[in-house]
PDB file of N, CA and C in Angstrom:
ATOM      1  N   MET A   1       0.855  -1.164   0.000  1.00  0.00           N
ATOM      2  CA  MET A   1       0.000   0.000   0.000  1.00  0.00           C
ATOM      3  C   MET A   1       0.902   1.228   0.000  1.00  0.00           C
ATOM      4  N   LYS A   2       0.743   2.064  -0.999  1.00  0.00           N
ATOM      5  CA  LYS A   2       1.548   3.278  -1.099  1.00  0.00           C
ATOM      6  C   LYS A   2       0.640   4.496  -1.097  1.00  0.00           C
ATOM      7  N   ALA A   3       1.090   5.510  -0.409  1.00  0.00           N
ATOM      8  CA  ALA A   3       0.337   6.757  -0.380  1.00  0.00           C
ATOM      9  C   ALA A   3       0.549   7.503  -1.685  1.00  0.00           C
ATOM     10  N   SER A   4      -0.487   8.138  -2.142  1.00  0.00           N
ATOM     11  CA  SER A   4      -0.438   8.900  -3.379  1.00  0.00           C
ATOM     12  C   SER A   4       0.344  10.197  -3.176  1.00  0.00           C
ATOM     13  N   GLU A   5       1.147  10.555  -4.154  1.00  0.00           N
ATOM     14  CA  GLU A   5       1.895  11.813  -4.067  1.00  0.00           C
ATOM     15  C   GLU A   5       0.951  13.007  -4.184  1.00  0.00           C
ATOM     16  N   LYS A   6      -0.152  12.835  -4.908  1.00  0.00           N
ATOM     17  CA  LYS A   6      -1.115  13.921  -5.083  1.00  0.00           C
ATOM     18  C   LYS A   6      -1.772  14.317  -3.761  1.00  0.00           C
ATOM     19  N   THR A   7      -1.943  13.357  -2.868  1.00  0.00           N
ATOM     20  CA  THR A   7      -2.636  13.626  -1.604  1.00  0.00           C
ATOM     21  C   THR A   7      -1.684  14.003  -0.483  1.00  0.00           C
ATOM     22  N   GLY A   8      -0.431  14.210  -0.802  1.00  0.00           N
ATOM     23  CA  GLY A   8       0.531  14.612   0.219  1.00  0.00           C
ATOM     24  C   GLY A   8       0.877  13.501   1.187  1.00  0.00           C
ATOM     25  N   GLY A   9       0.837  12.270   0.725  1.00  0.00           N
ATOM     26  CA  GLY A   9       1.206  11.138   1.570  1.00  0.00           C
ATOM     27  C   GLY A   9       0.050  10.494   2.309  1.00  0.00           C
ATOM     28  N   ILE A  10      -1.155  11.021   2.132  1.00  0.00           N
ATOM     29  CA  ILE A  10      -2.325  10.434   2.783  1.00  0.00           C
ATOM     30  C   ILE A  10      -2.827   9.272   1.934  1.00  0.00           C
ATOM     31  N   ILE A  11      -3.116   8.155   2.583  1.00  0.00           N
ATOM     32  CA  ILE A  11      -3.591   6.972   1.868  1.00  0.00           C
ATOM     33  C   ILE A  11      -5.051   7.164   1.484  1.00  0.00           C
ATOM     34  N   GLY A  12      -5.356   7.035   0.229  1.00  0.00           N
ATOM     35  CA  GLY A  12      -6.718   7.143  -0.272  1.00  0.00           C
ATOM     36  C   GLY A  12      -7.273   5.784  -0.651  1.00  0.00           C
ATOM     37  N   TRP A  13      -8.527   5.731  -1.043  1.00  0.00           N
ATOM     38  CA  TRP A  13      -9.155   4.446  -1.361  1.00  0.00           C
ATOM     39  C   TRP A  13      -8.505   3.768  -2.553  1.00  0.00           C
ATOM     40  N   LYS A  14      -7.962   4.547  -3.485  1.00  0.00           N
ATOM     41  CA  LYS A  14      -7.317   3.950  -4.655  1.00  0.00           C
ATOM     42  C   LYS A  14      -5.989   3.279  -4.292  1.00  0.00           C
ATOM     43  N   ASP A  15      -5.442   3.642  -3.140  1.00  0.00           N
ATOM     44  CA  ASP A  15      -4.166   3.086  -2.705  1.00  0.00           C
ATOM     45  C   ASP A  15      -4.318   1.787  -1.911  1.00  0.00           C
ATOM     46  N   LEU A  16      -5.548   1.419  -1.563  1.00  0.00           N
ATOM     47  CA  LEU A  16      -5.783   0.210  -0.773  1.00  0.00           C
ATOM     48  C   LEU A  16      -5.558  -1.044  -1.606  1.00  0.00           C
ATOM     49  N   GLU A  17      -5.227  -2.120  -0.925  1.00  0.00           N
ATOM     50  CA  GLU A  17      -5.051  -3.407  -1.591  1.00  0.00           C
ATOM     51  C   GLU A  17      -6.402  -3.910  -2.092  1.00  0.00           C
ATOM     52  N   LEU A  18      -6.396  -4.660  -3.165  1.00  0.00           N
ATOM     53  CA  LEU A  18      -7.610  -5.228  -3.737  1.00  0.00           C
ATOM     54  C   LEU A  18      -8.304  -6.104  -2.702  1.00  0.00           C
ATOM     55  N   GLY A  19      -9.581  -5.912  -2.532  1.00  0.00           N
ATOM     56  CA  GLY A  19     -10.347  -6.694  -1.564  1.00  0.00           C
ATOM     57  C   GLY A  19     -10.085  -6.287  -0.131  1.00  0.00           C
ATOM     58  N   CYS A  20      -9.433  -5.159   0.064  1.00  0.00           N
ATOM     59  CA  CYS A  20      -9.094  -4.653   1.399  1.00  0.00           C
ATOM     60  C   CYS A  20      -8.299  -5.667   2.212  1.00  0.00           C
ATOM     61  N   ALA A  21      -7.464  -6.441   1.558  1.00  0.00           N
ATOM     62  CA  ALA A  21      -6.630  -7.432   2.234  1.00  0.00           C
ATOM     63  C   ALA A  21      -5.585  -6.734   3.097  1.00  0.00           C
ATOM     64  N   LEU A  22      -5.328  -7.298   4.260  1.00  0.00           N
ATOM     65  CA  LEU A  22      -4.280  -6.778   5.132  1.00  0.00           C
ATOM     66  C   LEU A  22      -2.963  -7.416   4.739  1.00  0.00           C
ATOM     67  N   ILE A  23      -2.043  -6.621   4.293  1.00  0.00           N
ATOM     68  CA  ILE A  23      -0.751  -7.113   3.839  1.00  0.00           C
ATOM     69  C   ILE A  23       0.191  -7.350   5.011  1.00  0.00           C
ATOM     70  N   GLU A  24       0.088  -6.522   6.045  1.00  0.00           N
ATOM     71  CA  GLU A  24       0.937  -6.689   7.219  1.00  0.00           C
ATOM     72  C   GLU A  24       0.128  -6.392   8.475  1.00  0.00           C
ATOM     73  N   PRO A  25       0.448  -7.049   9.609  1.00  0.00           N
ATOM     74  CA  PRO A  25      -0.304  -6.807  10.843  1.00  0.00           C
ATOM     75  C   PRO A  25       0.084  -5.486  11.488  1.00  0.00           C
ATOM     76  N   GLY A  26      -0.805  -4.982  12.320  1.00  0.00           N
ATOM     77  CA  GLY A  26      -0.507  -3.783  13.092  1.00  0.00           C
ATOM     78  C   GLY A  26      -0.656  -2.470  12.365  1.00  0.00           C
ATOM     79  N   THR A  27      -1.265  -2.477  11.188  1.00  0.00           N
ATOM     80  CA  THR A  27      -1.378  -1.234  10.431  1.00  0.00           C
ATOM     81  C   THR A  27      -2.432  -0.290  11.006  1.00  0.00           C
ATOM     82  N   SER A  28      -3.335  -0.786  11.846  1.00  0.00           N
ATOM     83  CA  SER A  28      -4.380   0.080  12.393  1.00  0.00           C
ATOM     84  C   SER A  28      -3.841   1.066  13.426  1.00  0.00           C
ATOM     85  N   LYS A  29      -2.639   0.846  13.943  1.00  0.00           N
ATOM     86  CA  LYS A  29      -2.060   1.763  14.927  1.00  0.00           C
ATOM     87  C   LYS A  29      -1.914   3.174  14.364  1.00  0.00           C
ATOM     88  N   GLY A  30      -1.739   3.278  13.071  1.00  0.00           N
ATOM     89  CA  GLY A  30      -1.549   4.582  12.452  1.00  0.00           C
ATOM     90  C   GLY A  30      -2.827   5.352  12.216  1.00  0.00           C
ATOM     91  N   PHE A  31      -3.971   4.729  12.449  1.00  0.00           N
ATOM     92  CA  PHE A  31      -5.260   5.371  12.182  1.00  0.00           C
ATOM     93  C   PHE A  31      -6.003   5.581  13.493  1.00  0.00           C
ATOM     94  N   LYS A  32      -6.002   6.793  13.989  1.00  0.00           N
ATOM     95  CA  LYS A  32      -6.701   7.100  15.234  1.00  0.00           C
ATOM     96  C   LYS A  32      -8.177   7.268  14.912  1.00  0.00           C
ATOM     97  N   THR A  33      -8.992   6.376  15.467  1.00  0.00           N
ATOM     98  CA  THR A  33     -10.394   6.292  15.067  1.00  0.00           C
ATOM     99  C   THR A  33     -11.371   6.699  16.159  1.00  0.00           C
ATOM    100  N   GLY A  34     -10.893   7.209  17.277  1.00  0.00           N
ATOM    101  CA  GLY A  34     -11.779   7.500  18.389  1.00  0.00           C
ATOM    102  C   GLY A  34     -12.436   8.857  18.370  1.00  0.00           C
ATOM    103  N   ASP A  35     -12.161   9.676  17.374  1.00  0.00           N
ATOM    104  CA  ASP A  35     -12.685  11.042  17.400  1.00  0.00           C
ATOM    105  C   ASP A  35     -14.159  11.164  17.045  1.00  0.00           C
ATOM    106  N   TRP A  36     -14.798  10.105  16.575  1.00  0.00           N
ATOM    107  CA  TRP A  36     -16.204  10.213  16.205  1.00  0.00           C
ATOM    108  C   TRP A  36     -17.145   9.517  17.183  1.00  0.00           C
ATOM    109  N   ARG A  37     -16.632   9.003  18.286  1.00  0.00           N
ATOM    110  CA  ARG A  37     -17.492   8.285  19.235  1.00  0.00           C
ATOM    111  C   ARG A  37     -18.456   9.244  19.923  1.00  0.00           C
ATOM    112  N   SER A  38     -19.584   8.725  20.385  1.00  0.00           N
ATOM    113  CA  SER A  38     -20.572   9.550  21.070  1.00  0.00           C
ATOM    114  C   SER A  38     -20.546   9.335  22.580  1.00  0.00           C
ATOM    115  N   GLN A  39     -19.861   8.282  23.030  1.00  0.00           N
ATOM    116  CA  GLN A  39     -19.722   8.033  24.459  1.00  0.00           C
ATOM    117  C   GLN A  39     -18.369   7.389  24.729  1.00  0.00           C
ATOM    118  N   ARG A  40     -17.895   7.541  25.964  1.00  0.00           N
ATOM    119  CA  ARG A  40     -16.582   7.004  26.316  1.00  0.00           C
ATOM    120  C   ARG A  40     -16.681   6.227  27.627  1.00  0.00           C
ATOM    121  N   PRO A  41     -15.820   5.224  27.803  1.00  0.00           N
ATOM    122  CA  PRO A  41     -15.853   4.450  29.041  1.00  0.00           C
ATOM    123  C   PRO A  41     -15.097   5.150  30.172  1.00  0.00           C
ATOM    124  N   VAL A  42     -15.685   5.108  31.358  1.00  0.00           N
ATOM    125  CA  VAL A  42     -15.040   5.633  32.561  1.00  0.00           C
ATOM    126  C   VAL A  42     -15.078   4.519  33.600  1.00  0.00           C
ATOM    127  N   THR A  43     -13.913   4.174  34.150  1.00  0.00           N
ATOM    128  CA  THR A  43     -13.812   3.065  35.093  1.00  0.00           C
ATOM    129  C   THR A  43     -13.776   3.561  36.532  1.00  0.00           C
ATOM    130  N   ASP A  44     -14.620   2.947  37.366  1.00  0.00           N
ATOM    131  CA  ASP A  44     -14.621   3.201  38.803  1.00  0.00           C
ATOM    132  C   ASP A  44     -13.623   2.215  39.413  1.00  0.00           C
ATOM    133  N   LYS A  45     -12.454   2.700  39.797  1.00  0.00           N
ATOM    134  CA  LYS A  45     -11.394   1.816  40.290  1.00  0.00           C
ATOM    135  C   LYS A  45     -11.739   1.173  41.628  1.00  0.00           C
ATOM    136  N   GLU A  46     -12.727   1.712  42.332  1.00  0.00           N
ATOM    137  CA  GLU A  46     -13.183   1.092  43.580  1.00  0.00           C
ATOM    138  C   GLU A  46     -13.922  -0.217  43.295  1.00  0.00           C
ATOM    139  N   LYS A  47     -14.615  -0.278  42.178  1.00  0.00           N
ATOM    140  CA  LYS A  47     -15.368  -1.479  41.804  1.00  0.00           C
ATOM    141  C   LYS A  47     -14.549  -2.456  40.966  1.00  0.00           C
ATOM    142  N   CYS A  48     -13.515  -1.966  40.310  1.00  0.00           N
ATOM    143  CA  CYS A  48     -12.727  -2.782  39.381  1.00  0.00           C
ATOM    144  C   CYS A  48     -11.962  -3.879  40.125  1.00  0.00           C
ATOM    145  N   ILE A  49     -12.049  -5.120  39.628  1.00  0.00           N
ATOM    146  CA  ILE A  49     -11.325  -6.244  40.229  1.00  0.00           C
ATOM    147  C   ILE A  49     -10.104  -6.636  39.396  1.00  0.00           C
ATOM    148  N   ARG A  50      -9.779  -5.825  38.405  1.00  0.00           N
ATOM    149  CA  ARG A  50      -8.593  -6.022  37.558  1.00  0.00           C
ATOM    150  C   ARG A  50      -8.609  -7.363  36.814  1.00  0.00           C
ATOM    151  N   CYS A  51      -9.780  -7.779  36.385  1.00  0.00           N
ATOM    152  CA  CYS A  51      -9.902  -9.067  35.681  1.00  0.00           C
ATOM    153  C   CYS A  51      -9.375  -8.995  34.249  1.00  0.00           C
ATOM    154  N   GLY A  52      -9.384  -7.799  33.655  1.00  0.00           N
ATOM    155  CA  GLY A  52      -8.866  -7.626  32.305  1.00  0.00           C
ATOM    156  C   GLY A  52      -9.843  -7.944  31.192  1.00  0.00           C
ATOM    157  N   LEU A  53     -11.111  -8.199  31.521  1.00  0.00           N
ATOM    158  CA  LEU A  53     -12.081  -8.499  30.457  1.00  0.00           C
ATOM    159  C   LEU A  53     -12.244  -7.325  29.497  1.00  0.00           C
ATOM    160  N   CYS A  54     -12.174  -6.111  29.995  1.00  0.00           N
ATOM    161  CA  CYS A  54     -12.284  -4.938  29.116  1.00  0.00           C
ATOM    162  C   CYS A  54     -11.166  -4.959  28.079  1.00  0.00           C
ATOM    163  N   TRP A  55      -9.982  -5.280  28.519  1.00  0.00           N
ATOM    164  CA  TRP A  55      -8.797  -5.341  27.649  1.00  0.00           C
ATOM    165  C   TRP A  55      -8.914  -6.486  26.652  1.00  0.00           C
ATOM    166  N   ILE A  56      -9.368  -7.631  27.114  1.00  0.00           N
ATOM    167  CA  ILE A  56      -9.483  -8.818  26.258  1.00  0.00           C
ATOM    168  C   ILE A  56     -10.578  -8.653  25.212  1.00  0.00           C
ATOM    169  N   LEU A  57     -11.721  -8.100  25.616  1.00  0.00           N
ATOM    170  CA  LEU A  57     -12.896  -8.066  24.744  1.00  0.00           C
ATOM    171  C   LEU A  57     -13.011  -6.830  23.858  1.00  0.00           C
ATOM    172  N   CYS A  58     -12.216  -5.821  24.097  1.00  0.00           N
ATOM    173  CA  CYS A  58     -12.308  -4.607  23.282  1.00  0.00           C
ATOM    174  C   CYS A  58     -11.933  -4.925  21.835  1.00  0.00           C
ATOM    175  N   PRO A  59     -12.865  -4.726  20.889  1.00  0.00           N
ATOM    176  CA  PRO A  59     -12.574  -5.060  19.489  1.00  0.00           C
ATOM    177  C   PRO A  59     -11.546  -4.136  18.838  1.00  0.00           C
ATOM    178  N   ASP A  60     -11.273  -3.002  19.461  1.00  0.00           N
ATOM    179  CA  ASP A  60     -10.328  -2.043  18.890  1.00  0.00           C
ATOM    180  C   ASP A  60      -9.020  -1.962  19.664  1.00  0.00           C
ATOM    181  N   MET A  61      -8.846  -2.842  20.643  1.00  0.00           N
ATOM    182  CA  MET A  61      -7.641  -2.839  21.482  1.00  0.00           C
ATOM    183  C   MET A  61      -7.373  -1.443  22.047  1.00  0.00           C
ATOM    184  N   ALA A  62      -8.445  -0.798  22.501  1.00  0.00           N
ATOM    185  CA  ALA A  62      -8.327   0.555  23.035  1.00  0.00           C
ATOM    186  C   ALA A  62      -7.919   0.571  24.505  1.00  0.00           C
ATOM    187  N   TYR A  63      -7.876  -0.589  25.142  1.00  0.00           N
ATOM    188  CA  TYR A  63      -7.462  -0.655  26.546  1.00  0.00           C
ATOM    189  C   TYR A  63      -5.998  -1.025  26.653  1.00  0.00           C
ATOM    190  N   ARG A  64      -5.329  -0.434  27.639  1.00  0.00           N
ATOM    191  CA  ARG A  64      -3.918  -0.709  27.902  1.00  0.00           C
ATOM    192  C   ARG A  64      -3.750  -1.004  29.393  1.00  0.00           C
ATOM    193  N   PRO A  65      -2.963  -2.021  29.737  1.00  0.00           N
ATOM    194  CA  PRO A  65      -2.698  -2.274  31.162  1.00  0.00           C
ATOM    195  C   PRO A  65      -1.816  -1.166  31.744  1.00  0.00           C
ATOM    196  N   THR A  66      -2.072  -0.824  33.003  1.00  0.00           N
ATOM    197  CA  THR A  66      -1.273   0.193  33.679  1.00  0.00           C
ATOM    198  C   THR A  66      -0.356  -0.483  34.698  1.00  0.00           C
ATOM    199  N   GLU A  67       0.583   0.260  35.224  1.00  0.00           N
ATOM    200  CA  GLU A  67       1.545  -0.301  36.176  1.00  0.00           C
ATOM    201  C   GLU A  67       0.892  -0.786  37.463  1.00  0.00           C
ATOM    202  N   ASP A  68      -0.247  -0.190  37.836  1.00  0.00           N
ATOM    203  CA  ASP A  68      -0.914  -0.593  39.076  1.00  0.00           C
ATOM    204  C   ASP A  68      -1.912  -1.731  38.879  1.00  0.00           C
ATOM    205  N   GLY A  69      -1.930  -2.332  37.693  1.00  0.00           N
ATOM    206  CA  GLY A  69      -2.779  -3.498  37.447  1.00  0.00           C
ATOM    207  C   GLY A  69      -4.152  -3.199  36.887  1.00  0.00           C
ATOM    208  N   PHE A  70      -4.490  -1.927  36.740  1.00  0.00           N
ATOM    209  CA  PHE A  70      -5.770  -1.555  36.150  1.00  0.00           C
ATOM    210  C   PHE A  70      -5.616  -1.468  34.633  1.00  0.00           C
ATOM    211  N   PHE A  71      -6.700  -1.125  33.954  1.00  0.00           N
ATOM    212  CA  PHE A  71      -6.688  -0.990  32.503  1.00  0.00           C
ATOM    213  C   PHE A  71      -7.336   0.340  32.145  1.00  0.00           C
ATOM    214  N   ASP A  72      -6.631   1.151  31.381  1.00  0.00           N
ATOM    215  CA  ASP A  72      -7.140   2.456  30.952  1.00  0.00           C
ATOM    216  C   ASP A  72      -7.504   2.410  29.481  1.00  0.00           C
ATOM    217  N   SER A  73      -8.589   3.092  29.131  1.00  0.00           N
ATOM    218  CA  SER A  73      -8.974   3.157  27.722  1.00  0.00           C
ATOM    219  C   SER A  73      -8.225   4.300  27.042  1.00  0.00           C
ATOM    220  N   ASP A  74      -7.892   4.087  25.800  1.00  0.00           N
ATOM    221  CA  ASP A  74      -7.183   5.083  24.996  1.00  0.00           C
ATOM    222  C   ASP A  74      -8.204   5.750  24.082  1.00  0.00           C
ATOM    223  N   GLY A  75      -8.477   7.020  24.343  1.00  0.00           N
ATOM    224  CA  GLY A  75      -9.470   7.756  23.572  1.00  0.00           C
ATOM    225  C   GLY A  75      -9.147   7.912  22.102  1.00  0.00           C
ATOM    226  N   ASN A  76      -7.903   7.686  21.725  1.00  0.00           N
ATOM    227  CA  ASN A  76      -7.536   7.767  20.312  1.00  0.00           C
ATOM    228  C   ASN A  76      -8.101   6.607  19.503  1.00  0.00           C
ATOM    229  N   TYR A  77      -8.393   5.492  20.170  1.00  0.00           N
ATOM    230  CA  TYR A  77      -8.849   4.302  19.451  1.00  0.00           C
ATOM    231  C   TYR A  77     -10.234   3.814  19.873  1.00  0.00           C
ATOM    232  N   CYS A  78     -10.714   4.230  21.036  1.00  0.00           N
ATOM    233  CA  CYS A  78     -12.027   3.790  21.520  1.00  0.00           C
ATOM    234  C   CYS A  78     -13.124   4.393  20.644  1.00  0.00           C
ATOM    235  N   LYS A  79     -14.022   3.532  20.171  1.00  0.00           N
ATOM    236  CA  LYS A  79     -15.136   3.988  19.333  1.00  0.00           C
ATOM    237  C   LYS A  79     -16.434   4.130  20.120  1.00  0.00           C
ATOM    238  N   GLY A  80     -16.400   3.805  21.417  1.00  0.00           N
ATOM    239  CA  GLY A  80     -17.582   3.979  22.253  1.00  0.00           C
ATOM    240  C   GLY A  80     -18.640   2.916  22.080  1.00  0.00           C
ATOM    241  N   CYS A  81     -18.256   1.709  21.691  1.00  0.00           N
ATOM    242  CA  CYS A  81     -19.241   0.650  21.434  1.00  0.00           C
ATOM    243  C   CYS A  81     -19.903   0.144  22.715  1.00  0.00           C
ATOM    244  N   GLY A  82     -19.211   0.230  23.853  1.00  0.00           N
ATOM    245  CA  GLY A  82     -19.793  -0.164  25.130  1.00  0.00           C
ATOM    246  C   GLY A  82     -19.662  -1.630  25.489  1.00  0.00           C
ATOM    247  N   ILE A  83     -18.946  -2.408  24.701  1.00  0.00           N
ATOM    248  CA  ILE A  83     -18.763  -3.830  25.019  1.00  0.00           C
ATOM    249  C   ILE A  83     -18.090  -3.973  26.377  1.00  0.00           C
ATOM    250  N   CYS A  84     -17.109  -3.142  26.659  1.00  0.00           N
ATOM    251  CA  CYS A  84     -16.395  -3.207  27.938  1.00  0.00           C
ATOM    252  C   CYS A  84     -17.365  -3.030  29.109  1.00  0.00           C
ATOM    253  N   ALA A  85     -18.247  -2.054  29.015  1.00  0.00           N
ATOM    254  CA  ALA A  85     -19.205  -1.778  30.088  1.00  0.00           C
ATOM    255  C   ALA A  85     -20.229  -2.901  30.225  1.00  0.00           C
ATOM    256  N   ARG A  86     -20.678  -3.440  29.097  1.00  0.00           N
ATOM    257  CA  ARG A  86     -21.660  -4.529  29.133  1.00  0.00           C
ATOM    258  C   ARG A  86     -21.094  -5.792  29.749  1.00  0.00           C
ATOM    259  N   GLU A  87     -19.829  -6.076  29.490  1.00  0.00           N
ATOM    260  CA  GLU A  87     -19.235  -7.334  29.927  1.00  0.00           C
ATOM    261  C   GLU A  87     -18.517  -7.257  31.269  1.00  0.00           C
ATOM    262  N   CYS A  88     -18.347  -6.086  31.828  1.00  0.00           N
ATOM    263  CA  CYS A  88     -17.656  -5.943  33.113  1.00  0.00           C
ATOM    264  C   CYS A  88     -18.457  -6.652  34.209  1.00  0.00           C
ATOM    265  N   PRO A  89     -17.853  -7.641  34.896  1.00  0.00           N
ATOM    266  CA  PRO A  89     -18.603  -8.424  35.885  1.00  0.00           C
ATOM    267  C   PRO A  89     -18.997  -7.636  37.133  1.00  0.00           C
ATOM    268  N   THR A  90     -18.361  -6.510  37.404  1.00  0.00           N
ATOM    269  CA  THR A  90     -18.689  -5.721  38.596  1.00  0.00           C
ATOM    270  C   THR A  90     -19.327  -4.374  38.261  1.00  0.00           C
ATOM    271  N   ASP A  91     -19.685  -4.179  37.005  1.00  0.00           N
ATOM    272  CA  ASP A  91     -20.270  -2.907  36.548  1.00  0.00           C
ATOM    273  C   ASP A  91     -19.390  -1.711  36.923  1.00  0.00           C
ATOM    274  N   ALA A  92     -18.078  -1.895  36.797  1.00  0.00           N
ATOM    275  CA  ALA A  92     -17.131  -0.832  37.134  1.00  0.00           C
ATOM    276  C   ALA A  92     -16.961   0.178  36.007  1.00  0.00           C
ATOM    277  N   ILE A  93     -17.456  -0.156  34.817  1.00  0.00           N
ATOM    278  CA  ILE A  93     -17.289   0.737  33.665  1.00  0.00           C
ATOM    279  C   ILE A  93     -18.633   1.349  33.291  1.00  0.00           C
ATOM    280  N   ALA A  94     -18.663   2.660  33.214  1.00  0.00           N
ATOM    281  CA  ALA A  94     -19.865   3.381  32.792  1.00  0.00           C
ATOM    282  C   ALA A  94     -19.552   4.096  31.485  1.00  0.00           C
ATOM    283  N   MET A  95     -20.513   4.108  30.593  1.00  0.00           N
ATOM    284  CA  MET A  95     -20.360   4.831  29.335  1.00  0.00           C
ATOM    285  C   MET A  95     -20.928   6.236  29.532  1.00  0.00           C
ATOM    286  N   ILE A  96     -20.069   7.228  29.364  1.00  0.00           N
ATOM    287  CA  ILE A  96     -20.431   8.630  29.572  1.00  0.00           C
ATOM    288  C   ILE A  96     -20.539   9.321  28.217  1.00  0.00           C
ATOM    289  N   ARG A  97     -21.619  10.050  28.039  1.00  0.00           N
ATOM    290  CA  ARG A  97     -21.846  10.760  26.774  1.00  0.00           C
ATOM    291  C   ARG A  97     -20.759  11.808  26.539  1.00  0.00           C
ATOM    292  N   GLU A  98     -20.233  11.835  25.311  1.00  0.00           N
ATOM    293  CA  GLU A  98     -19.222  12.827  24.932  1.00  0.00           C
ATOM    294  C   GLU A  98     -19.905  14.163  24.674  1.00  0.00           C
ATOM    295  N   GLU A  99     -19.244  15.222  25.008  1.00  0.00           N
ATOM    296  CA  GLU A  99     -19.778  16.569  24.772  1.00  0.00           C
ATOM    297  C   GLU A  99     -19.167  17.149  23.531  1.00  0.00           C
TER     298      GLU A  99
END
């Protein structure tokens, strides 16, 4: 996949691989997709049991483990789907509307 010179290095639809095939892993790191979400997850650390289900189940890998054993969501990649909040066994995650 090569960026077009006309677009100043931005990858356009014509530059994508046929059939949208992924040629190499990890290419989504370069595309920050969290700016259009309508809600974001907020974790109550008093309720959190550090099970890691939010991290495991997030389809966008928007959660990152922290040094203290908790998991923080990365707003650059979180799309606000709410899977983390739905699956949290202690209801420690609340989805808060974005302003």
